[in-house]
Every structure is written in structure tokens, then in C-alpha cells.
Amino acid sequence: MSKYELAVVLNAKIEDEERAKVLEKVKGYVTRFGGTISDVEESGKKKLAYDIQKMSEGYFYFIHFEAETSAPAEIENRVRIMDNVLRFLIVNQDEA
């Protein structure tokens, strides 16, 4: 099992309740594909370096998890098409 970090930027214009649902769905994808979440770090609302979908702010979350090497590709496929997810990135922590 390898260690990974999933960085997710969520839409800043949605309600707290909806944002929590989107985050839970992302975490659900991690666990569905055999990942074990060790930490979820919320960095809060921050200004983006450039506008994404006409938005200048987003909520940043960092999810640390362990999974098999095939899991990140599956997670990316699901998160890519989610509404209210502006950007995401999965980084292998073992190589860092």
C-alpha cells in the first residue's frame, strides 16, 4: 500500500451543508476503492491564483490516505466529473 494525498478545491459559492456532502462523496470514493483515510485537513476558503469557471475563491481540502497503486486512477475518474469540484490532484507521498 502506498501513501497518497488528494488535494481538492471546492466551489466557494455553495452552502456549508452541500460542501460537506461533496467532501463526504470524495471520501467515499477513496474508501470504495480500498483506501484508508488517515487525515482530512481543511485549509478553508482561499483566493485562487486565477479564475476557474468564473470563480476567484475556493475551499481547499487535503485528504491523506493509503491505497493500492490502482486506486488513484479510479478515484480521479470519479472526482473529475463531480459537480462543485473545481480542481483536484493526487500526489504519491512515498515519492515525495
PDB file of N, CA and C in Angstrom:
ATOM      1  N   MET A   1       0.844  -1.175   0.000  1.00  0.00           N
ATOM      2  CA  MET A   1       0.000   0.000   0.000  1.00  0.00           C
ATOM      3  C   MET A   1       0.894   1.244   0.000  1.00  0.00           C
ATOM      4  N   SER A   2       0.515   2.186  -0.821  1.00  0.00           N
ATOM      5  CA  SER A   2       1.249   3.442  -0.925  1.00  0.00           C
ATOM      6  C   SER A   2       0.468   4.555  -0.249  1.00  0.00           C
ATOM      7  N   LYS A   3       1.189   5.589   0.163  1.00  0.00           N
ATOM      8  CA  LYS A   3       0.559   6.749   0.789  1.00  0.00           C
ATOM      9  C   LYS A   3       0.328   7.819  -0.273  1.00  0.00           C
ATOM     10  N   TYR A   4      -0.865   8.428  -0.229  1.00  0.00           N
ATOM     11  CA  TYR A   4      -1.238   9.451  -1.189  1.00  0.00           C
ATOM     12  C   TYR A   4      -1.839  10.656  -0.485  1.00  0.00           C
ATOM     13  N   GLU A   5      -1.818  11.786  -1.195  1.00  0.00           N
ATOM     14  CA  GLU A   5      -2.503  12.983  -0.736  1.00  0.00           C
ATOM     15  C   GLU A   5      -3.394  13.452  -1.874  1.00  0.00           C
ATOM     16  N   LEU A   6      -4.670  13.636  -1.578  1.00  0.00           N
ATOM     17  CA  LEU A   6      -5.632  14.138  -2.550  1.00  0.00           C
ATOM     18  C   LEU A   6      -5.971  15.575  -2.177  1.00  0.00           C
ATOM     19  N   ALA A   7      -5.604  16.505  -3.034  1.00  0.00           N
ATOM     20  CA  ALA A   7      -5.936  17.916  -2.835  1.00  0.00           C
ATOM     21  C   ALA A   7      -7.177  18.210  -3.663  1.00  0.00           C
ATOM     22  N   VAL A   8      -8.189  18.796  -3.021  1.00  0.00           N
ATOM     23  CA  VAL A   8      -9.450  19.094  -3.691  1.00  0.00           C
ATOM     24  C   VAL A   8      -9.808  20.551  -3.450  1.00  0.00           C
ATOM     25  N   VAL A   9     -10.201  21.244  -4.514  1.00  0.00           N
ATOM     26  CA  VAL A   9     -10.685  22.622  -4.411  1.00  0.00           C
ATOM     27  C   VAL A   9     -12.165  22.607  -4.757  1.00  0.00           C
ATOM     28  N   LEU A  10     -12.993  23.011  -3.791  1.00  0.00           N
ATOM     29  CA  LEU A  10     -14.440  23.004  -3.982  1.00  0.00           C
ATOM     30  C   LEU A  10     -14.968  24.410  -4.216  1.00  0.00           C
ATOM     31  N   ASN A  11     -16.094  24.478  -4.880  1.00  0.00           N
ATOM     32  CA  ASN A  11     -16.783  25.720  -5.177  1.00  0.00           C
ATOM     33  C   ASN A  11     -17.044  26.503  -3.883  1.00  0.00           C
ATOM     34  N   ALA A  12     -16.683  27.782  -3.859  1.00  0.00           N
ATOM     35  CA  ALA A  12     -16.858  28.600  -2.653  1.00  0.00           C
ATOM     36  C   ALA A  12     -18.264  29.162  -2.539  1.00  0.00           C
ATOM     37  N   LYS A  13     -19.051  29.055  -3.590  1.00  0.00           N
ATOM     38  CA  LYS A  13     -20.390  29.661  -3.593  1.00  0.00           C
ATOM     39  C   LYS A  13     -21.479  28.721  -3.109  1.00  0.00           C
ATOM     40  N   ILE A  14     -21.147  27.485  -2.773  1.00  0.00           N
ATOM     41  CA  ILE A  14     -22.170  26.553  -2.296  1.00  0.00           C
ATOM     42  C   ILE A  14     -22.278  26.638  -0.770  1.00  0.00           C
ATOM     43  N   GLU A  15     -23.404  26.196  -0.254  1.00  0.00           N
ATOM     44  CA  GLU A  15     -23.656  26.217   1.188  1.00  0.00           C
ATOM     45  C   GLU A  15     -22.754  25.222   1.917  1.00  0.00           C
ATOM     46  N   ASP A  16     -22.557  25.445   3.209  1.00  0.00           N
ATOM     47  CA  ASP A  16     -21.721  24.564   4.029  1.00  0.00           C
ATOM     48  C   ASP A  16     -22.221  23.117   3.989  1.00  0.00           C
ATOM     49  N   GLU A  17     -23.540  22.955   4.038  1.00  0.00           N
ATOM     50  CA  GLU A  17     -24.139  21.625   4.038  1.00  0.00           C
ATOM     51  C   GLU A  17     -23.820  20.876   2.742  1.00  0.00           C
ATOM     52  N   GLU A  18     -23.962  21.565   1.613  1.00  0.00           N
ATOM     53  CA  GLU A  18     -23.683  20.961   0.312  1.00  0.00           C
ATOM     54  C   GLU A  18     -22.192  20.642   0.174  1.00  0.00           C
ATOM     55  N   ARG A  19     -21.338  21.542   0.673  1.00  0.00           N
ATOM     56  CA  ARG A  19     -19.895  21.327   0.614  1.00  0.00           C
ATOM     57  C   ARG A  19     -19.511  20.094   1.428  1.00  0.00           C
ATOM     58  N   ALA A  20     -20.139  19.908   2.571  1.00  0.00           N
ATOM     59  CA  ALA A  20     -19.875  18.727   3.401  1.00  0.00           C
ATOM     60  C   ALA A  20     -20.290  17.455   2.669  1.00  0.00           C
ATOM     61  N   LYS A  21     -21.410  17.500   1.933  1.00  0.00           N
ATOM     62  CA  LYS A  21     -21.871  16.339   1.168  1.00  0.00           C
ATOM     63  C   LYS A  21     -20.885  15.992   0.058  1.00  0.00           C
ATOM     64  N   VAL A  22     -20.368  17.017  -0.633  1.00  0.00           N
ATOM     65  CA  VAL A  22     -19.401  16.784  -1.711  1.00  0.00           C
ATOM     66  C   VAL A  22     -18.126  16.169  -1.139  1.00  0.00           C
ATOM     67  N   LEU A  23     -17.661  16.681  -0.002  1.00  0.00           N
ATOM     68  CA  LEU A  23     -16.453  16.146   0.627  1.00  0.00           C
ATOM     69  C   LEU A  23     -16.663  14.698   1.064  1.00  0.00           C
ATOM     70  N   GLU A  24     -17.827  14.396   1.617  1.00  0.00           N
ATOM     71  CA  GLU A  24     -18.127  13.021   2.029  1.00  0.00           C
ATOM     72  C   GLU A  24     -18.154  12.085   0.827  1.00  0.00           C
ATOM     73  N   LYS A  25     -18.658  12.580  -0.296  1.00  0.00           N
ATOM     74  CA  LYS A  25     -18.695  11.764  -1.518  1.00  0.00           C
ATOM     75  C   LYS A  25     -17.278  11.465  -2.002  1.00  0.00           C
ATOM     76  N   VAL A  26     -16.394  12.466  -1.946  1.00  0.00           N
ATOM     77  CA  VAL A  26     -14.993  12.261  -2.342  1.00  0.00           C
ATOM     78  C   VAL A  26     -14.336  11.241  -1.408  1.00  0.00           C
ATOM     79  N   LYS A  27     -14.559  11.386  -0.108  1.00  0.00           N
ATOM     80  CA  LYS A  27     -14.001  10.429   0.848  1.00  0.00           C
ATOM     81  C   LYS A  27     -14.575   9.035   0.626  1.00  0.00           C
ATOM     82  N   GLY A  28     -15.830   8.970   0.223  1.00  0.00           N
ATOM     83  CA  GLY A  28     -16.461   7.688  -0.081  1.00  0.00           C
ATOM     84  C   GLY A  28     -15.786   6.992  -1.250  1.00  0.00           C
ATOM     85  N   TYR A  29     -15.391   7.756  -2.263  1.00  0.00           N
ATOM     86  CA  TYR A  29     -14.676   7.175  -3.396  1.00  0.00           C
ATOM     87  C   TYR A  29     -13.327   6.595  -2.956  1.00  0.00           C
ATOM     88  N   VAL A  30     -12.662   7.284  -2.052  1.00  0.00           N
ATOM     89  CA  VAL A  30     -11.364   6.794  -1.564  1.00  0.00           C
ATOM     90  C   VAL A  30     -11.551   5.449  -0.869  1.00  0.00           C
ATOM     91  N   THR A  31     -12.535   5.361   0.010  1.00  0.00           N
ATOM     92  CA  THR A  31     -12.745   4.107   0.742  1.00  0.00           C
ATOM     93  C   THR A  31     -13.318   3.014  -0.158  1.00  0.00           C
ATOM     94  N   ARG A  32     -14.132   3.383  -1.152  1.00  0.00           N
ATOM     95  CA  ARG A  32     -14.715   2.390  -2.061  1.00  0.00           C
ATOM     96  C   ARG A  32     -13.641   1.634  -2.835  1.00  0.00           C
ATOM     97  N   PHE A  33     -12.566   2.313  -3.188  1.00  0.00           N
ATOM     98  CA  PHE A  33     -11.511   1.679  -3.972  1.00  0.00           C
ATOM     99  C   PHE A  33     -10.362   1.186  -3.097  1.00  0.00           C
ATOM    100  N   GLY A  34     -10.671   0.874  -1.838  1.00  0.00           N
ATOM    101  CA  GLY A  34      -9.713   0.205  -0.971  1.00  0.00           C
ATOM    102  C   GLY A  34      -8.780   1.125  -0.206  1.00  0.00           C
ATOM    103  N   GLY A  35      -9.042   2.410  -0.204  1.00  0.00           N
ATOM    104  CA  GLY A  35      -8.191   3.349   0.515  1.00  0.00           C
ATOM    105  C   GLY A  35      -8.564   3.455   1.979  1.00  0.00           C
ATOM    106  N   THR A  36      -7.578   3.779   2.783  1.00  0.00           N
ATOM    107  CA  THR A  36      -7.785   4.007   4.210  1.00  0.00           C
ATOM    108  C   THR A  36      -7.393   5.441   4.510  1.00  0.00           C
ATOM    109  N   ILE A  37      -8.374   6.263   4.884  1.00  0.00           N
ATOM    110  CA  ILE A  37      -8.119   7.683   5.133  1.00  0.00           C
ATOM    111  C   ILE A  37      -7.494   7.844   6.508  1.00  0.00           C
ATOM    112  N   SER A  38      -6.358   8.551   6.556  1.00  0.00           N
ATOM    113  CA  SER A  38      -5.688   8.783   7.832  1.00  0.00           C
ATOM    114  C   SER A  38      -5.933  10.194   8.352  1.00  0.00           C
ATOM    115  N   ASP A  39      -6.165  11.152   7.447  1.00  0.00           N
ATOM    116  CA  ASP A  39      -6.315  12.541   7.883  1.00  0.00           C
ATOM    117  C   ASP A  39      -7.039  13.345   6.802  1.00  0.00           C
ATOM    118  N   VAL A  40      -7.907  14.258   7.238  1.00  0.00           N
ATOM    119  CA  VAL A  40      -8.543  15.211   6.326  1.00  0.00           C
ATOM    120  C   VAL A  40      -8.245  16.595   6.870  1.00  0.00           C
ATOM    121  N   GLU A  41      -7.546  17.369   6.084  1.00  0.00           N
ATOM    122  CA  GLU A  41      -7.102  18.695   6.503  1.00  0.00           C
ATOM    123  C   GLU A  41      -7.878  19.750   5.712  1.00  0.00           C
ATOM    124  N   GLU A  42      -8.563  20.650   6.427  1.00  0.00           N
ATOM    125  CA  GLU A  42      -9.304  21.721   5.776  1.00  0.00           C
ATOM    126  C   GLU A  42      -8.482  23.001   5.864  1.00  0.00           C
ATOM    127  N   SER A  43      -8.158  23.566   4.710  1.00  0.00           N
ATOM    128  CA  SER A  43      -7.388  24.812   4.694  1.00  0.00           C
ATOM    129  C   SER A  43      -8.292  26.032   4.590  1.00  0.00           C
ATOM    130  N   GLY A  44      -9.572  25.812   4.379  1.00  0.00           N
ATOM    131  CA  GLY A  44     -10.528  26.906   4.349  1.00  0.00           C
ATOM    132  C   GLY A  44     -10.638  27.568   2.989  1.00  0.00           C
ATOM    133  N   LYS A  45     -11.286  28.721   3.003  1.00  0.00           N
ATOM    134  CA  LYS A  45     -11.542  29.477   1.772  1.00  0.00           C
ATOM    135  C   LYS A  45     -10.320  30.321   1.436  1.00  0.00           C
ATOM    136  N   LYS A  46      -9.846  30.164   0.199  1.00  0.00           N
ATOM    137  CA  LYS A  46      -8.666  30.911  -0.239  1.00  0.00           C
ATOM    138  C   LYS A  46      -8.892  31.472  -1.630  1.00  0.00           C
ATOM    139  N   LYS A  47      -8.158  32.517  -1.932  1.00  0.00           N
ATOM    140  CA  LYS A  47      -8.211  33.116  -3.262  1.00  0.00           C
ATOM    141  C   LYS A  47      -7.414  32.231  -4.220  1.00  0.00           C
ATOM    142  N   LEU A  48      -7.970  32.008  -5.401  1.00  0.00           N
ATOM    143  CA  LEU A  48      -7.301  31.203  -6.412  1.00  0.00           C
ATOM    144  C   LEU A  48      -6.298  32.057  -7.180  1.00  0.00           C
ATOM    145  N   ALA A  49      -5.275  31.450  -7.707  1.00  0.00           N
ATOM    146  CA  ALA A  49      -4.261  32.162  -8.479  1.00  0.00           C
ATOM    147  C   ALA A  49      -4.853  32.748  -9.757  1.00  0.00           C
ATOM    148  N   TYR A  50      -5.858  32.075 -10.292  1.00  0.00           N
ATOM    149  CA  TYR A  50      -6.560  32.549 -11.483  1.00  0.00           C
ATOM    150  C   TYR A  50      -8.000  32.042 -11.411  1.00  0.00           C
ATOM    151  N   ASP A  51      -8.891  32.702 -12.122  1.00  0.00           N
ATOM    152  CA  ASP A  51     -10.294  32.318 -12.099  1.00  0.00           C
ATOM    153  C   ASP A  51     -10.492  30.943 -12.738  1.00  0.00           C
ATOM    154  N   ILE A  52     -11.309  30.123 -12.081  1.00  0.00           N
ATOM    155  CA  ILE A  52     -11.688  28.818 -12.597  1.00  0.00           C
ATOM    156  C   ILE A  52     -13.210  28.812 -12.655  1.00  0.00           C
ATOM    157  N   GLN A  53     -13.771  28.597 -13.818  1.00  0.00           N
ATOM    158  CA  GLN A  53     -15.217  28.614 -14.014  1.00  0.00           C
ATOM    159  C   GLN A  53     -15.826  29.907 -13.474  1.00  0.00           C
ATOM    160  N   LYS A  54     -15.155  31.019 -13.744  1.00  0.00           N
ATOM    161  CA  LYS A  54     -15.574  32.371 -13.338  1.00  0.00           C
ATOM    162  C   LYS A  54     -15.633  32.546 -11.819  1.00  0.00           C
ATOM    163  N   MET A  55     -14.846  31.782 -11.078  1.00  0.00           N
ATOM    164  CA  MET A  55     -14.783  31.896  -9.625  1.00  0.00           C
ATOM    165  C   MET A  55     -13.358  32.243  -9.221  1.00  0.00           C
ATOM    166  N   SER A  56     -13.238  33.128  -8.254  1.00  0.00           N
ATOM    167  CA  SER A  56     -11.915  33.563  -7.822  1.00  0.00           C
ATOM    168  C   SER A  56     -11.519  32.991  -6.458  1.00  0.00           C
ATOM    169  N   GLU A  57     -12.447  32.261  -5.794  1.00  0.00           N
ATOM    170  CA  GLU A  57     -12.160  31.665  -4.493  1.00  0.00           C
ATOM    171  C   GLU A  57     -12.612  30.207  -4.477  1.00  0.00           C
ATOM    172  N   GLY A  58     -12.013  29.436  -3.581  1.00  0.00           N
ATOM    173  CA  GLY A  58     -12.396  28.036  -3.432  1.00  0.00           C
ATOM    174  C   GLY A  58     -12.038  27.530  -2.047  1.00  0.00           C
ATOM    175  N   TYR A  59     -12.684  26.449  -1.639  1.00  0.00           N
ATOM    176  CA  TYR A  59     -12.374  25.792  -0.368  1.00  0.00           C
ATOM    177  C   TYR A  59     -11.384  24.671  -0.637  1.00  0.00           C
ATOM    178  N   PHE A  60     -10.297  24.662   0.107  1.00  0.00           N
ATOM    179  CA  PHE A  60      -9.218  23.697  -0.093  1.00  0.00           C
ATOM    180  C   PHE A  60      -9.271  22.608   0.980  1.00  0.00           C
ATOM    181  N   TYR A  61      -9.181  21.352   0.527  1.00  0.00           N
ATOM    182  CA  TYR A  61      -9.138  20.195   1.419  1.00  0.00           C
ATOM    183  C   TYR A  61      -8.000  19.288   0.978  1.00  0.00           C
ATOM    184  N   PHE A  62      -7.327  18.685   1.963  1.00  0.00           N
ATOM    185  CA  PHE A  62      -6.249  17.739   1.695  1.00  0.00           C
ATOM    186  C   PHE A  62      -6.582  16.443   2.420  1.00  0.00           C
ATOM    187  N   ILE A  63      -6.766  15.373   1.653  1.00  0.00           N
ATOM    188  CA  ILE A  63      -7.133  14.071   2.202  1.00  0.00           C
ATOM    189  C   ILE A  63      -5.914  13.156   2.079  1.00  0.00           C
ATOM    190  N   HIS A  64      -5.401  12.689   3.211  1.00  0.00           N
ATOM    191  CA  HIS A  64      -4.260  11.773   3.243  1.00  0.00           C
ATOM    192  C   HIS A  64      -4.801  10.358   3.386  1.00  0.00           C
ATOM    193  N   PHE A  65      -4.339   9.463   2.511  1.00  0.00           N
ATOM    194  CA  PHE A  65      -4.840   8.089   2.566  1.00  0.00           C
ATOM    195  C   PHE A  65      -3.794   7.108   2.051  1.00  0.00           C
ATOM    196  N   GLU A  66      -4.026   5.835   2.383  1.00  0.00           N
ATOM    197  CA  GLU A  66      -3.198   4.727   1.890  1.00  0.00           C
ATOM    198  C   GLU A  66      -4.069   3.864   1.003  1.00  0.00           C
ATOM    199  N   ALA A  67      -3.511   3.436  -0.127  1.00  0.00           N
ATOM    200  CA  ALA A  67      -4.273   2.597  -1.049  1.00  0.00           C
ATOM    201  C   ALA A  67      -3.334   1.843  -1.973  1.00  0.00           C
ATOM    202  N   GLU A  68      -3.901   0.897  -2.700  1.00  0.00           N
ATOM    203  CA  GLU A  68      -3.154   0.175  -3.724  1.00  0.00           C
ATOM    204  C   GLU A  68      -2.852   1.136  -4.873  1.00  0.00           C
ATOM    205  N   THR A  69      -1.903   0.789  -5.712  1.00  0.00           N
ATOM    206  CA  THR A  69      -1.475   1.685  -6.784  1.00  0.00           C
ATOM    207  C   THR A  69      -2.541   1.894  -7.863  1.00  0.00           C
ATOM    208  N   SER A  70      -3.533   1.040  -7.944  1.00  0.00           N
ATOM    209  CA  SER A  70      -4.590   1.198  -8.944  1.00  0.00           C
ATOM    210  C   SER A  70      -5.685   2.159  -8.488  1.00  0.00           C
ATOM    211  N   ALA A  71      -5.778   2.442  -7.195  1.00  0.00           N
ATOM    212  CA  ALA A  71      -6.857   3.263  -6.644  1.00  0.00           C
ATOM    213  C   ALA A  71      -6.849   4.718  -7.128  1.00  0.00           C
ATOM    214  N   PRO A  72      -5.709   5.422  -7.197  1.00  0.00           N
ATOM    215  CA  PRO A  72      -5.743   6.832  -7.613  1.00  0.00           C
ATOM    216  C   PRO A  72      -6.383   7.063  -8.981  1.00  0.00           C
ATOM    217  N   ALA A  73      -6.145   6.191  -9.933  1.00  0.00           N
ATOM    218  CA  ALA A  73      -6.741   6.358 -11.263  1.00  0.00           C
ATOM    219  C   ALA A  73      -8.261   6.244 -11.194  1.00  0.00           C
ATOM    220  N   GLU A  74      -8.754   5.292 -10.407  1.00  0.00           N
ATOM    221  CA  GLU A  74     -10.202   5.121 -10.248  1.00  0.00           C
ATOM    222  C   GLU A  74     -10.822   6.321  -9.545  1.00  0.00           C
ATOM    223  N   ILE A  75     -10.149   6.812  -8.500  1.00  0.00           N
ATOM    224  CA  ILE A  75     -10.654   7.974  -7.767  1.00  0.00           C
ATOM    225  C   ILE A  75     -10.693   9.193  -8.683  1.00  0.00           C
ATOM    226  N   GLU A  76      -9.626   9.410  -9.455  1.00  0.00           N
ATOM    227  CA  GLU A  76      -9.578  10.539 -10.383  1.00  0.00           C
ATOM    228  C   GLU A  76     -10.714  10.481 -11.391  1.00  0.00           C
ATOM    229  N   ASN A  77     -11.008   9.300 -11.918  1.00  0.00           N
ATOM    230  CA  ASN A  77     -12.093   9.169 -12.890  1.00  0.00           C
ATOM    231  C   ASN A  77     -13.431   9.613 -12.312  1.00  0.00           C
ATOM    232  N   ARG A  78     -13.674   9.347 -11.038  1.00  0.00           N
ATOM    233  CA  ARG A  78     -14.942   9.704 -10.399  1.00  0.00           C
ATOM    234  C   ARG A  78     -14.970  11.183 -10.009  1.00  0.00           C
ATOM    235  N   VAL A  79     -13.885  11.686  -9.428  1.00  0.00           N
ATOM    236  CA  VAL A  79     -13.843  13.071  -8.944  1.00  0.00           C
ATOM    237  C   VAL A  79     -13.865  14.056 -10.121  1.00  0.00           C
ATOM    238  N   ARG A  80     -13.271  13.673 -11.229  1.00  0.00           N
ATOM    239  CA  ARG A  80     -13.188  14.538 -12.415  1.00  0.00           C
ATOM    240  C   ARG A  80     -14.565  15.025 -12.875  1.00  0.00           C
ATOM    241  N   ILE A  81     -15.594  14.184 -12.760  1.00  0.00           N
ATOM    242  CA  ILE A  81     -16.912  14.541 -13.278  1.00  0.00           C
ATOM    243  C   ILE A  81     -17.868  15.059 -12.204  1.00  0.00           C
ATOM    244  N   MET A  82     -17.387  15.268 -10.987  1.00  0.00           N
ATOM    245  CA  MET A  82     -18.249  15.744  -9.908  1.00  0.00           C
ATOM    246  C   MET A  82     -18.549  17.233 -10.051  1.00  0.00           C
ATOM    247  N   ASP A  83     -19.803  17.581  -9.750  1.00  0.00           N
ATOM    248  CA  ASP A  83     -20.173  18.989  -9.698  1.00  0.00           C
ATOM    249  C   ASP A  83     -19.533  19.615  -8.466  1.00  0.00           C
ATOM    250  N   ASN A  84     -19.260  20.893  -8.525  1.00  0.00           N
ATOM    251  CA  ASN A  84     -18.709  21.691  -7.421  1.00  0.00           C
ATOM    252  C   ASN A  84     -17.266  21.370  -7.072  1.00  0.00           C
ATOM    253  N   VAL A  85     -16.593  20.495  -7.823  1.00  0.00           N
ATOM    254  CA  VAL A  85     -15.153  20.273  -7.655  1.00  0.00           C
ATOM    255  C   VAL A  85     -14.464  21.072  -8.759  1.00  0.00           C
ATOM    256  N   LEU A  86     -13.725  22.122  -8.353  1.00  0.00           N
ATOM    257  CA  LEU A  86     -13.063  22.971  -9.335  1.00  0.00           C
ATOM    258  C   LEU A  86     -11.771  22.339  -9.830  1.00  0.00           C
ATOM    259  N   ARG A  87     -10.956  21.842  -8.902  1.00  0.00           N
ATOM    260  CA  ARG A  87      -9.679  21.207  -9.251  1.00  0.00           C
ATOM    261  C   ARG A  87      -9.376  20.117  -8.229  1.00  0.00           C
ATOM    262  N   PHE A  88      -8.538  19.168  -8.638  1.00  0.00           N
ATOM    263  CA  PHE A  88      -8.084  18.109  -7.738  1.00  0.00           C
ATOM    264  C   PHE A  88      -6.727  17.620  -8.212  1.00  0.00           C
ATOM    265  N   LEU A  89      -5.993  16.997  -7.295  1.00  0.00           N
ATOM    266  CA  LEU A  89      -4.690  16.447  -7.635  1.00  0.00           C
ATOM    267  C   LEU A  89      -4.363  15.360  -6.622  1.00  0.00           C
ATOM    268  N   ILE A  90      -3.929  14.208  -7.118  1.00  0.00           N
ATOM    269  CA  ILE A  90      -3.488  13.124  -6.236  1.00  0.00           C
ATOM    270  C   ILE A  90      -1.971  12.997  -6.378  1.00  0.00           C
ATOM    271  N   VAL A  91      -1.283  13.059  -5.239  1.00  0.00           N
ATOM    272  CA  VAL A  91       0.172  13.005  -5.216  1.00  0.00           C
ATOM    273  C   VAL A  91       0.588  11.785  -4.390  1.00  0.00           C
ATOM    274  N   ASN A  92       1.559  11.038  -4.903  1.00  0.00           N
ATOM    275  CA  ASN A  92       2.101   9.892  -4.190  1.00  0.00           C
ATOM    276  C   ASN A  92       3.076  10.410  -3.125  1.00  0.00           C
ATOM    277  N   GLN A  93       2.775  10.202  -1.868  1.00  0.00           N
ATOM    278  CA  GLN A  93       3.597  10.683  -0.769  1.00  0.00           C
ATOM    279  C   GLN A  93       4.886   9.885  -0.604  1.00  0.00           C
ATOM    280  N   ASP A  94       4.910   8.652  -1.081  1.00  0.00           N
ATOM    281  CA  ASP A  94       6.095   7.804  -0.961  1.00  0.00           C
ATOM    282  C   ASP A  94       7.253   8.365  -1.800  1.00  0.00           C
ATOM    283  N   GLU A  95       6.927   8.992  -2.933  1.00  0.00           N
ATOM    284  CA  GLU A  95       7.955   9.512  -3.811  1.00  0.00           C
ATOM    285  C   GLU A  95       8.419  10.919  -3.419  1.00  0.00           C
ATOM    286  N   ALA A  96       7.617  11.584  -2.592  1.00  0.00           N
ATOM    287  CA  ALA A  96       7.939  12.974  -2.226  1.00  0.00           C
ATOM    288  C   ALA A  96       9.097  13.057  -1.262  1.00  0.00           C
TER     289      ALA A  96
END
